[in-house]
N, C-alpha and C. Protein backbone atom coordinates (compact mmCIF):
# COMPACT_ATOMS: atom_id res chain seq x y z
N MET A 1 60.37 -49.93 -23.54
CA MET A 1 58.99 -49.60 -23.21
C MET A 1 58.95 -48.90 -21.85
N ILE A 2 58.08 -47.93 -21.74
CA ILE A 2 57.96 -47.17 -20.51
C ILE A 2 56.76 -47.69 -19.71
N GLY A 3 56.98 -47.89 -18.41
CA GLY A 3 55.91 -48.36 -17.56
C GLY A 3 55.01 -47.20 -17.13
N VAL A 4 53.86 -47.54 -16.57
CA VAL A 4 52.91 -46.53 -16.13
C VAL A 4 53.51 -45.68 -15.02
N PHE A 5 54.15 -46.32 -14.06
CA PHE A 5 54.75 -45.57 -12.96
C PHE A 5 55.87 -44.67 -13.45
N SER A 6 56.67 -45.15 -14.38
CA SER A 6 57.75 -44.33 -14.94
C SER A 6 57.19 -43.13 -15.68
N ALA A 7 56.11 -43.32 -16.40
CA ALA A 7 55.47 -42.21 -17.11
C ALA A 7 54.94 -41.19 -16.12
N PHE A 8 54.35 -41.66 -15.01
CA PHE A 8 53.84 -40.75 -13.98
C PHE A 8 54.98 -39.96 -13.34
N VAL A 9 56.09 -40.63 -13.04
CA VAL A 9 57.24 -39.94 -12.44
C VAL A 9 57.79 -38.89 -13.40
N LEU A 10 57.88 -39.22 -14.68
CA LEU A 10 58.33 -38.25 -15.67
C LEU A 10 57.40 -37.05 -15.71
N PHE A 11 56.08 -37.29 -15.69
CA PHE A 11 55.13 -36.18 -15.68
C PHE A 11 55.27 -35.34 -14.42
N ALA A 12 55.44 -35.98 -13.26
CA ALA A 12 55.58 -35.25 -12.01
C ALA A 12 56.82 -34.36 -12.03
N MET A 13 57.91 -34.85 -12.58
CA MET A 13 59.13 -34.06 -12.66
C MET A 13 58.95 -32.86 -13.59
N VAL A 14 58.35 -33.09 -14.75
CA VAL A 14 58.13 -32.00 -15.70
C VAL A 14 57.17 -30.98 -15.09
N TRP A 15 56.09 -31.47 -14.45
CA TRP A 15 55.10 -30.57 -13.86
C TRP A 15 55.73 -29.71 -12.77
N ALA A 16 56.54 -30.32 -11.91
CA ALA A 16 57.16 -29.57 -10.82
C ALA A 16 58.08 -28.47 -11.35
N MET A 17 58.86 -28.78 -12.37
CA MET A 17 59.74 -27.76 -12.95
C MET A 17 58.93 -26.62 -13.56
N VAL A 18 57.89 -26.97 -14.31
CA VAL A 18 57.06 -25.93 -14.94
C VAL A 18 56.35 -25.10 -13.87
N PHE A 19 55.84 -25.74 -12.83
CA PHE A 19 55.13 -25.03 -11.77
C PHE A 19 56.04 -24.07 -11.02
N LEU A 20 57.23 -24.52 -10.68
CA LEU A 20 58.16 -23.66 -9.94
C LEU A 20 58.64 -22.49 -10.78
N ILE A 21 58.81 -22.70 -12.08
CA ILE A 21 59.17 -21.59 -12.96
C ILE A 21 57.99 -20.64 -13.09
N GLY A 22 56.79 -21.19 -13.22
CA GLY A 22 55.60 -20.38 -13.39
C GLY A 22 55.23 -19.55 -12.17
N LEU A 23 55.65 -19.99 -10.99
CA LEU A 23 55.36 -19.21 -9.78
C LEU A 23 56.01 -17.84 -9.83
N GLN A 24 57.13 -17.74 -10.50
CA GLN A 24 57.88 -16.49 -10.52
C GLN A 24 57.42 -15.53 -11.61
N MET A 25 56.66 -16.01 -12.56
CA MET A 25 56.31 -15.19 -13.72
C MET A 25 55.05 -14.37 -13.47
N GLY A 26 55.10 -13.11 -13.89
CA GLY A 26 53.93 -12.24 -13.81
C GLY A 26 53.45 -11.94 -12.41
N GLN A 27 54.35 -11.90 -11.47
CA GLN A 27 53.98 -11.70 -10.08
C GLN A 27 54.15 -10.24 -9.69
N ASP A 28 53.08 -9.60 -9.24
CA ASP A 28 53.16 -8.25 -8.69
C ASP A 28 53.26 -8.35 -7.18
N THR A 29 54.21 -7.63 -6.62
CA THR A 29 54.36 -7.64 -5.17
C THR A 29 53.57 -6.50 -4.55
N GLN A 30 53.38 -6.60 -3.25
CA GLN A 30 52.69 -5.54 -2.53
C GLN A 30 53.49 -4.24 -2.60
N GLY A 31 54.81 -4.36 -2.59
CA GLY A 31 55.66 -3.18 -2.69
C GLY A 31 55.54 -2.51 -4.05
N ASP A 32 55.38 -3.30 -5.11
CA ASP A 32 55.21 -2.74 -6.45
C ASP A 32 53.93 -1.92 -6.55
N ARG A 33 52.88 -2.41 -5.93
CA ARG A 33 51.59 -1.74 -6.00
C ARG A 33 51.41 -0.65 -4.95
N GLY A 34 52.26 -0.65 -3.94
CA GLY A 34 52.13 0.33 -2.87
C GLY A 34 50.95 0.06 -1.95
N GLU A 35 50.50 -1.18 -1.92
CA GLU A 35 49.36 -1.59 -1.09
C GLU A 35 49.80 -2.64 -0.08
N ARG A 36 50.70 -2.28 0.77
CA ARG A 36 51.28 -3.24 1.70
C ARG A 36 50.33 -3.52 2.86
N VAL A 37 50.04 -4.79 3.11
CA VAL A 37 49.20 -5.21 4.23
C VAL A 37 50.06 -5.23 5.48
N PRO A 38 49.60 -4.67 6.58
CA PRO A 38 50.40 -4.66 7.81
C PRO A 38 50.78 -6.09 8.24
N GLY A 39 52.04 -6.25 8.60
CA GLY A 39 52.54 -7.54 9.05
C GLY A 39 53.11 -8.42 7.94
N THR A 40 53.10 -7.93 6.71
CA THR A 40 53.66 -8.71 5.61
C THR A 40 54.87 -7.99 5.03
N HIS A 41 55.68 -8.73 4.32
CA HIS A 41 56.87 -8.19 3.67
C HIS A 41 56.46 -7.48 2.38
N ALA A 42 57.22 -6.49 1.99
CA ALA A 42 56.91 -5.75 0.75
C ALA A 42 57.02 -6.65 -0.47
N GLY A 43 57.80 -7.73 -0.37
CA GLY A 43 57.96 -8.65 -1.50
C GLY A 43 56.88 -9.71 -1.57
N SER A 44 55.89 -9.66 -0.67
CA SER A 44 54.80 -10.63 -0.70
C SER A 44 53.91 -10.38 -1.91
N PRO A 45 53.33 -11.44 -2.48
CA PRO A 45 52.48 -11.23 -3.65
C PRO A 45 51.24 -10.41 -3.32
N ALA A 46 50.86 -9.54 -4.24
CA ALA A 46 49.66 -8.73 -4.05
C ALA A 46 48.42 -9.59 -4.27
N GLU A 47 48.42 -10.39 -5.31
CA GLU A 47 47.34 -11.34 -5.59
C GLU A 47 47.99 -12.65 -6.00
N PHE A 48 47.43 -13.73 -5.51
CA PHE A 48 48.02 -15.03 -5.84
C PHE A 48 46.90 -15.99 -6.20
N HIS A 49 46.82 -16.36 -7.46
CA HIS A 49 45.78 -17.26 -7.96
C HIS A 49 46.40 -18.64 -8.15
N LEU A 50 46.37 -19.44 -7.08
CA LEU A 50 47.03 -20.75 -7.10
C LEU A 50 46.44 -21.67 -8.16
N TRP A 51 45.12 -21.78 -8.22
CA TRP A 51 44.51 -22.74 -9.13
C TRP A 51 44.74 -22.37 -10.59
N ARG A 52 44.82 -21.09 -10.89
CA ARG A 52 45.14 -20.68 -12.26
C ARG A 52 46.56 -21.12 -12.62
N ARG A 53 47.48 -20.97 -11.67
CA ARG A 53 48.86 -21.39 -11.92
C ARG A 53 48.98 -22.91 -12.03
N VAL A 54 48.22 -23.63 -11.22
CA VAL A 54 48.21 -25.09 -11.30
C VAL A 54 47.67 -25.54 -12.66
N PHE A 55 46.59 -24.91 -13.12
CA PHE A 55 46.02 -25.25 -14.42
C PHE A 55 47.02 -25.03 -15.55
N TRP A 56 47.66 -23.85 -15.56
CA TRP A 56 48.61 -23.56 -16.64
C TRP A 56 49.84 -24.46 -16.54
N ALA A 57 50.29 -24.77 -15.34
CA ALA A 57 51.43 -25.68 -15.19
C ALA A 57 51.08 -27.06 -15.73
N THR A 58 49.86 -27.51 -15.47
CA THR A 58 49.43 -28.82 -15.96
C THR A 58 49.33 -28.83 -17.48
N ALA A 59 48.77 -27.77 -18.06
CA ALA A 59 48.63 -27.71 -19.52
C ALA A 59 49.99 -27.67 -20.21
N ILE A 60 50.89 -26.86 -19.70
CA ILE A 60 52.23 -26.76 -20.30
C ILE A 60 53.01 -28.05 -20.09
N ALA A 61 52.90 -28.64 -18.89
CA ALA A 61 53.60 -29.90 -18.62
C ALA A 61 53.11 -31.01 -19.53
N LEU A 62 51.81 -31.06 -19.80
CA LEU A 62 51.29 -32.07 -20.74
C LEU A 62 51.84 -31.84 -22.14
N ALA A 63 51.94 -30.58 -22.54
CA ALA A 63 52.47 -30.28 -23.87
C ALA A 63 53.94 -30.69 -24.00
N ILE A 64 54.67 -30.69 -22.90
CA ILE A 64 56.07 -31.12 -22.92
C ILE A 64 56.16 -32.63 -22.74
N TRP A 65 55.31 -33.19 -21.86
CA TRP A 65 55.38 -34.60 -21.48
C TRP A 65 54.98 -35.54 -22.62
N VAL A 66 53.94 -35.19 -23.37
CA VAL A 66 53.46 -36.08 -24.44
C VAL A 66 54.55 -36.36 -25.48
N PRO A 67 55.24 -35.33 -25.99
CA PRO A 67 56.33 -35.66 -26.94
C PRO A 67 57.47 -36.45 -26.30
N LEU A 68 57.76 -36.17 -25.04
CA LEU A 68 58.82 -36.94 -24.37
C LEU A 68 58.46 -38.42 -24.29
N VAL A 69 57.23 -38.71 -23.90
CA VAL A 69 56.79 -40.11 -23.81
C VAL A 69 56.79 -40.74 -25.19
N TRP A 70 56.36 -40.00 -26.21
CA TRP A 70 56.35 -40.54 -27.57
C TRP A 70 57.78 -40.91 -28.01
N VAL A 71 58.73 -40.02 -27.73
CA VAL A 71 60.13 -40.29 -28.11
C VAL A 71 60.64 -41.53 -27.40
N ILE A 72 60.30 -41.68 -26.13
CA ILE A 72 60.78 -42.84 -25.37
C ILE A 72 60.11 -44.12 -25.85
N VAL A 73 58.79 -44.10 -26.02
CA VAL A 73 58.05 -45.31 -26.40
C VAL A 73 58.35 -45.73 -27.83
N SER A 74 58.48 -44.76 -28.73
CA SER A 74 58.70 -45.10 -30.14
C SER A 74 60.11 -45.62 -30.40
N GLY A 75 61.03 -45.33 -29.50
CA GLY A 75 62.40 -45.79 -29.69
C GLY A 75 63.22 -44.89 -30.59
N VAL A 76 62.70 -43.72 -30.90
CA VAL A 76 63.44 -42.77 -31.73
C VAL A 76 64.78 -42.43 -31.09
N LEU A 77 64.77 -42.29 -29.78
CA LEU A 77 65.98 -41.94 -29.04
C LEU A 77 66.11 -42.90 -27.87
N GLY A 78 67.14 -43.74 -27.90
CA GLY A 78 67.37 -44.72 -26.85
C GLY A 78 68.54 -44.32 -25.97
N ILE A 79 68.81 -45.15 -24.99
CA ILE A 79 69.89 -44.85 -24.05
C ILE A 79 71.25 -44.88 -24.76
N ASP A 80 71.40 -45.77 -25.74
CA ASP A 80 72.66 -45.81 -26.48
C ASP A 80 72.86 -44.54 -27.30
N ASP A 81 71.76 -44.03 -27.86
CA ASP A 81 71.85 -42.77 -28.61
C ASP A 81 72.25 -41.62 -27.69
N LEU A 82 71.68 -41.59 -26.50
CA LEU A 82 72.03 -40.54 -25.54
C LEU A 82 73.50 -40.63 -25.14
N ARG A 83 74.00 -41.86 -24.99
CA ARG A 83 75.42 -42.03 -24.67
C ARG A 83 76.30 -41.53 -25.80
N ARG A 84 75.92 -41.82 -27.04
CA ARG A 84 76.71 -41.33 -28.18
C ARG A 84 76.69 -39.80 -28.26
N ILE A 85 75.52 -39.20 -28.04
CA ILE A 85 75.41 -37.73 -28.12
C ILE A 85 76.27 -37.07 -27.06
N THR A 86 76.31 -37.63 -25.87
CA THR A 86 77.07 -37.03 -24.77
C THR A 86 78.53 -37.46 -24.76
N GLY A 87 78.93 -38.33 -25.70
CA GLY A 87 80.33 -38.74 -25.79
C GLY A 87 80.73 -39.82 -24.80
N ARG A 88 79.77 -40.50 -24.23
CA ARG A 88 80.07 -41.59 -23.29
C ARG A 88 80.13 -42.91 -24.05
N PRO A 89 80.89 -43.86 -23.56
CA PRO A 89 80.97 -45.15 -24.25
C PRO A 89 79.65 -45.94 -24.15
N VAL A 90 79.31 -46.58 -25.25
CA VAL A 90 78.10 -47.41 -25.28
C VAL A 90 78.43 -48.74 -24.61
N GLN A 91 77.58 -49.14 -23.66
CA GLN A 91 77.82 -50.38 -22.93
C GLN A 91 77.10 -51.52 -23.61
N GLY A 92 77.71 -52.68 -23.56
CA GLY A 92 77.06 -53.88 -24.07
C GLY A 92 77.31 -54.13 -25.45
């Protein structure tokens, strides 16, 4: 059985990975557009919509997290199964 805190930690890990990957996607730089603001690097983002990226990261993370929690809670895949899949000896 998965605890509430464990479920939250799993969601936070999935969300952070999705968010960090999503930061790199679809980004136009100031150098790409030729509209460089004085004092900034050419690789700086031209437009950055943080809340839109947070929303999409949350939606995608939930779509990944819900099946993961279901697999853990339902017992479809346990720690012994993971050990067998990876070729490690089953303990106990």
